[in-house]
C-alpha cells in the first residue's frame, strides 16, 4: 500500500499557518473587545436621567448602573482577549522560528512543537525567541527577522510589571508572519534544488 501521509513540509507549513490563523482570530477578538469597551464607557455616554426608588434603600439610576456593569464586563473581556492574543502571537513567533530552525538543521518535522502550561497557554517568552537570522540570507529575510526579534524582546514588560498594550502581541505577530514567509522561502529553495526528496 502506498504511503498516503502528507509530505513533511506540507504538514509543517500547515502547522505554522494554523498558529498564525489562531493569532489572527484572537487579534480580531481583542480589537472587537476594545471597541465594545470603548462604546460602553460610562465616561463617554451621557446617562439617561431618571431614578428608581428602592424600598428601604437609596434611589438608583438604572441606566447609569447598567453602563457601569457593562463597562466592568467589557473591561474584563478586553483584558482576557489581550492575554489570549499576546500568548497566541508569541506562540506563532516561536513556532514559526522553530520550524525555520529545524529546516535549517536539515530536520523534517511534520508539525511545530511548543510547550504549554496546564491551562493550555504556550509556555514561551519574548526573550526566549530563537535567533535564526544569522543562518539566513538577505533574500530569506535575515535582516527583517533580526529587527523584529529585537522589537519583540524590547516590548516585553520587565519582571513584575504588567503593561496593558498590544505592542508585544503585534510585534510577535509580525515576527511570526515574517518567519512563516522565511519558512516558505526555504522550502521553495529546497524543492527547487531537489533537497525535499533527498535522504
Protein backbone atom coordinates (compact mmCIF):
# COMPACT_ATOMS: atom_id res chain seq x y z
CA UNK A 1 0.00 0.00 0.00
CA UNK A 2 1.45 3.40 -0.94
CA UNK A 3 2.32 5.93 1.75
CA UNK A 4 -0.54 8.45 1.74
CA UNK A 5 0.78 10.60 4.59
CA UNK A 6 1.30 14.21 3.52
CA UNK A 7 4.85 15.22 2.86
CA UNK A 8 6.55 16.61 5.97
CA UNK A 9 6.93 20.13 4.59
CA UNK A 10 3.22 20.42 3.79
CA UNK A 11 2.11 19.44 7.28
CA UNK A 12 4.81 21.67 8.81
CA UNK A 13 3.67 24.74 6.87
CA UNK A 14 0.04 23.87 7.76
CA UNK A 15 1.07 23.75 11.42
CA UNK A 16 2.70 27.20 11.25
CA UNK A 17 -0.24 28.60 9.29
CA UNK A 18 -2.65 27.30 11.95
CA UNK A 19 -0.67 29.14 14.64
CA UNK A 20 -0.94 32.33 12.60
CA UNK A 21 -4.67 31.80 11.99
CA UNK A 22 -5.25 31.38 15.73
CA UNK A 23 -3.35 34.60 16.44
CA UNK A 24 -5.35 36.44 13.75
CA UNK A 25 -8.67 35.28 15.25
CA UNK A 26 -7.63 36.41 18.71
CA UNK A 27 -6.30 39.72 17.39
CA UNK A 28 -9.70 40.34 15.80
CA UNK A 29 -11.50 39.32 19.00
CA UNK A 30 -9.31 41.69 21.02
CA UNK A 31 -9.98 44.52 18.59
CA UNK A 32 -13.73 43.94 18.91
CA UNK A 33 -13.46 43.77 22.71
CA UNK A 34 -11.55 47.09 22.79
CA UNK A 35 -14.15 48.74 20.58
CA UNK A 36 -17.02 47.35 22.65
CA UNK A 37 -15.40 48.53 25.90
CA UNK A 38 -14.98 52.00 24.40
CA UNK A 39 -18.58 52.04 23.14
CA UNK A 40 -19.94 51.27 26.62
CA UNK A 41 -17.59 53.58 28.54
CA UNK A 42 -19.72 55.47 31.09
CA UNK A 43 -17.45 58.50 30.74
CA UNK A 44 -18.32 58.68 27.04
CA UNK A 45 -22.09 58.14 27.22
CA UNK A 46 -24.44 60.67 28.74
CA UNK A 47 -26.59 58.69 31.18
CA UNK A 48 -30.34 58.87 30.87
CA UNK A 49 -31.75 60.90 33.73
CA UNK A 50 -34.22 59.00 35.85
CA UNK A 51 -34.19 57.36 39.22
CA UNK A 52 -35.69 54.19 40.54
CA UNK A 53 -36.94 54.11 44.08
CA UNK A 54 -35.99 51.04 46.04
CA UNK A 55 -37.78 50.33 49.35
CA UNK A 56 -35.50 50.88 52.35
CA UNK A 57 -32.57 51.95 50.14
CA UNK A 58 -31.19 54.93 48.27
CA UNK A 59 -32.71 55.64 44.84
CA UNK A 60 -30.72 54.24 41.91
CA UNK A 61 -30.15 55.42 38.35
CA UNK A 62 -30.85 52.27 36.28
CA UNK A 63 -29.20 53.48 33.08
CA UNK A 64 -26.08 54.68 34.87
CA UNK A 65 -25.91 51.41 36.80
CA UNK A 66 -26.26 49.38 33.58
CA UNK A 67 -23.45 51.36 31.95
CA UNK A 68 -21.10 50.68 34.87
CA UNK A 69 -21.97 46.97 34.85
CA UNK A 70 -21.33 46.75 31.11
CA UNK A 71 -18.12 48.72 31.44
CA UNK A 72 -16.80 46.30 34.06
CA UNK A 73 -17.82 43.30 31.95
CA UNK A 74 -16.22 44.65 28.77
CA UNK A 75 -13.01 45.66 30.56
CA UNK A 76 -12.63 42.07 31.77
CA UNK A 77 -13.27 40.82 28.23
CA UNK A 78 -10.76 43.29 26.79
CA UNK A 79 -8.10 42.20 29.29
CA UNK A 80 -8.75 38.50 28.68
CA UNK A 81 -8.67 38.78 24.88
CA UNK A 82 -5.44 40.79 25.18
CA UNK A 83 -3.81 37.96 27.16
CA UNK A 84 -5.06 35.36 24.66
CA UNK A 85 -3.85 37.37 21.65
CA UNK A 86 -0.45 38.04 23.19
CA UNK A 87 0.07 34.36 24.03
CA UNK A 88 -1.11 33.21 20.59
CA UNK A 89 1.15 35.76 18.86
CA UNK A 90 4.16 34.64 20.92
CA UNK A 91 3.27 31.02 20.12
CA UNK A 92 3.13 31.91 16.41
CA UNK A 93 6.52 33.64 16.58
CA UNK A 94 8.14 30.77 18.47
CA UNK A 95 6.51 28.11 16.31
CA UNK A 96 7.49 29.72 13.03
CA UNK A 97 11.05 30.33 14.27
CA UNK A 98 11.32 26.72 15.48
CA UNK A 99 10.15 25.47 12.07
CA UNK A 100 12.73 27.66 10.30
CA UNK A 101 15.47 26.46 12.66
CA UNK A 102 14.51 22.82 12.08
CA UNK A 103 14.62 23.21 8.29
CA UNK A 104 18.00 24.97 8.56
CA UNK A 105 19.27 21.95 10.55
CA UNK A 106 18.02 19.65 7.74
CA UNK A 107 15.38 18.15 10.02
CA UNK A 108 11.96 17.11 8.72
CA UNK A 109 9.41 17.76 11.44
CA UNK A 110 5.79 17.20 10.46
CA UNK A 111 4.47 19.71 12.98
CA UNK A 112 5.55 22.58 15.18
CA UNK A 113 6.21 21.54 18.77
CA UNK A 114 5.57 24.10 21.52
CA UNK A 115 5.42 23.68 25.30
CA UNK A 116 2.12 24.51 27.01
CA UNK A 117 1.21 25.05 30.63
CA UNK A 118 -1.59 23.27 32.45
CA UNK A 119 -4.06 25.98 31.38
CA UNK A 120 -3.31 25.47 27.68
CA UNK A 121 -1.25 28.63 27.20
CA UNK A 122 2.02 28.44 25.31
CA UNK A 123 4.90 28.43 27.79
CA UNK A 124 7.05 30.86 25.79
CA UNK A 125 8.53 34.29 26.42
CA UNK A 126 9.69 37.14 24.22
CA UNK A 127 13.31 36.90 25.34
CA UNK A 128 13.30 33.15 24.62
CA UNK A 129 12.55 33.72 20.92
CA UNK A 130 15.23 31.87 18.92
CA UNK A 131 17.53 33.96 16.75
CA UNK A 132 17.51 32.28 13.35
CA UNK A 133 18.70 35.33 11.39
CA UNK A 134 22.46 34.55 11.44
CA UNK A 135 21.80 31.34 9.46
CA UNK A 136 19.75 33.07 6.77
CA UNK A 137 20.48 35.07 3.66
CA UNK A 138 19.17 38.54 2.98
CA UNK A 139 16.65 37.08 0.49
CA UNK A 140 15.31 34.79 3.21
CA UNK A 141 14.68 37.80 5.46
CA UNK A 142 17.64 37.73 7.84
CA UNK A 143 17.70 41.49 8.48
CA UNK A 144 13.93 41.77 8.95
CA UNK A 145 13.85 38.83 11.34
CA UNK A 146 16.72 40.25 13.39
CA UNK A 147 14.98 43.65 13.63
CA UNK A 148 11.62 42.12 14.51
CA UNK A 149 13.16 39.85 17.15
CA UNK A 150 14.81 42.90 18.76
CA UNK A 151 11.43 44.67 18.72
CA UNK A 152 9.66 41.68 20.32
CA UNK A 153 12.22 41.47 23.13
CA UNK A 154 12.11 45.25 23.71
CA UNK A 155 8.32 45.14 24.07
CA UNK A 156 8.29 42.55 26.85
CA UNK A 157 7.46 44.22 30.18
CA UNK A 158 10.06 43.99 32.94
CA UNK A 159 9.56 41.41 35.70
CA UNK A 160 6.67 42.31 37.96
CA UNK A 161 5.48 44.98 35.56
CA UNK A 162 2.18 44.39 33.81
CA UNK A 163 1.50 46.56 30.82
CA UNK A 164 -1.82 46.51 29.04
CA UNK A 165 -0.78 47.34 25.48
CA UNK A 166 -0.81 45.35 22.29
CA UNK A 167 2.76 46.27 21.34
CA UNK A 168 4.26 42.90 22.35
CA UNK A 169 1.45 40.94 20.70
CA UNK A 170 1.67 42.96 17.48
CA UNK A 171 5.47 42.68 17.37
CA UNK A 172 5.35 38.92 17.98
CA UNK A 173 2.67 38.53 15.33
CA UNK A 174 4.77 40.50 12.80
CA UNK A 175 7.75 38.26 13.63
CA UNK A 176 5.60 35.16 13.13
CA UNK A 177 4.41 36.39 9.73
CA UNK A 178 7.96 37.13 8.58
CA UNK A 179 9.26 33.80 9.89
CA UNK A 180 6.41 31.99 8.11
CA UNK A 181 7.40 33.66 4.82
CA UNK A 182 11.02 32.67 5.52
CA UNK A 183 9.95 29.06 6.06
CA UNK A 184 8.10 29.09 2.72
CA UNK A 185 11.17 30.60 1.05
CA UNK A 186 13.43 27.87 2.48
CA UNK A 187 11.05 25.11 1.40
CA UNK A 188 10.72 26.54 -2.14
CA UNK A 189 14.52 26.77 -2.34
CA UNK A 190 14.94 23.19 -1.10
CA UNK A 191 12.30 21.95 -3.55
CA UNK A 192 13.91 23.78 -6.48
CA UNK A 193 17.24 22.12 -5.67
CA UNK A 194 15.84 18.64 -5.04
CA UNK A 195 16.50 18.63 -1.29
CA UNK A 196 12.94 17.85 -0.19
CA UNK A 197 13.03 14.31 -1.53
CA UNK A 198 16.72 13.66 -0.84
CA UNK A 199 17.67 11.32 2.01
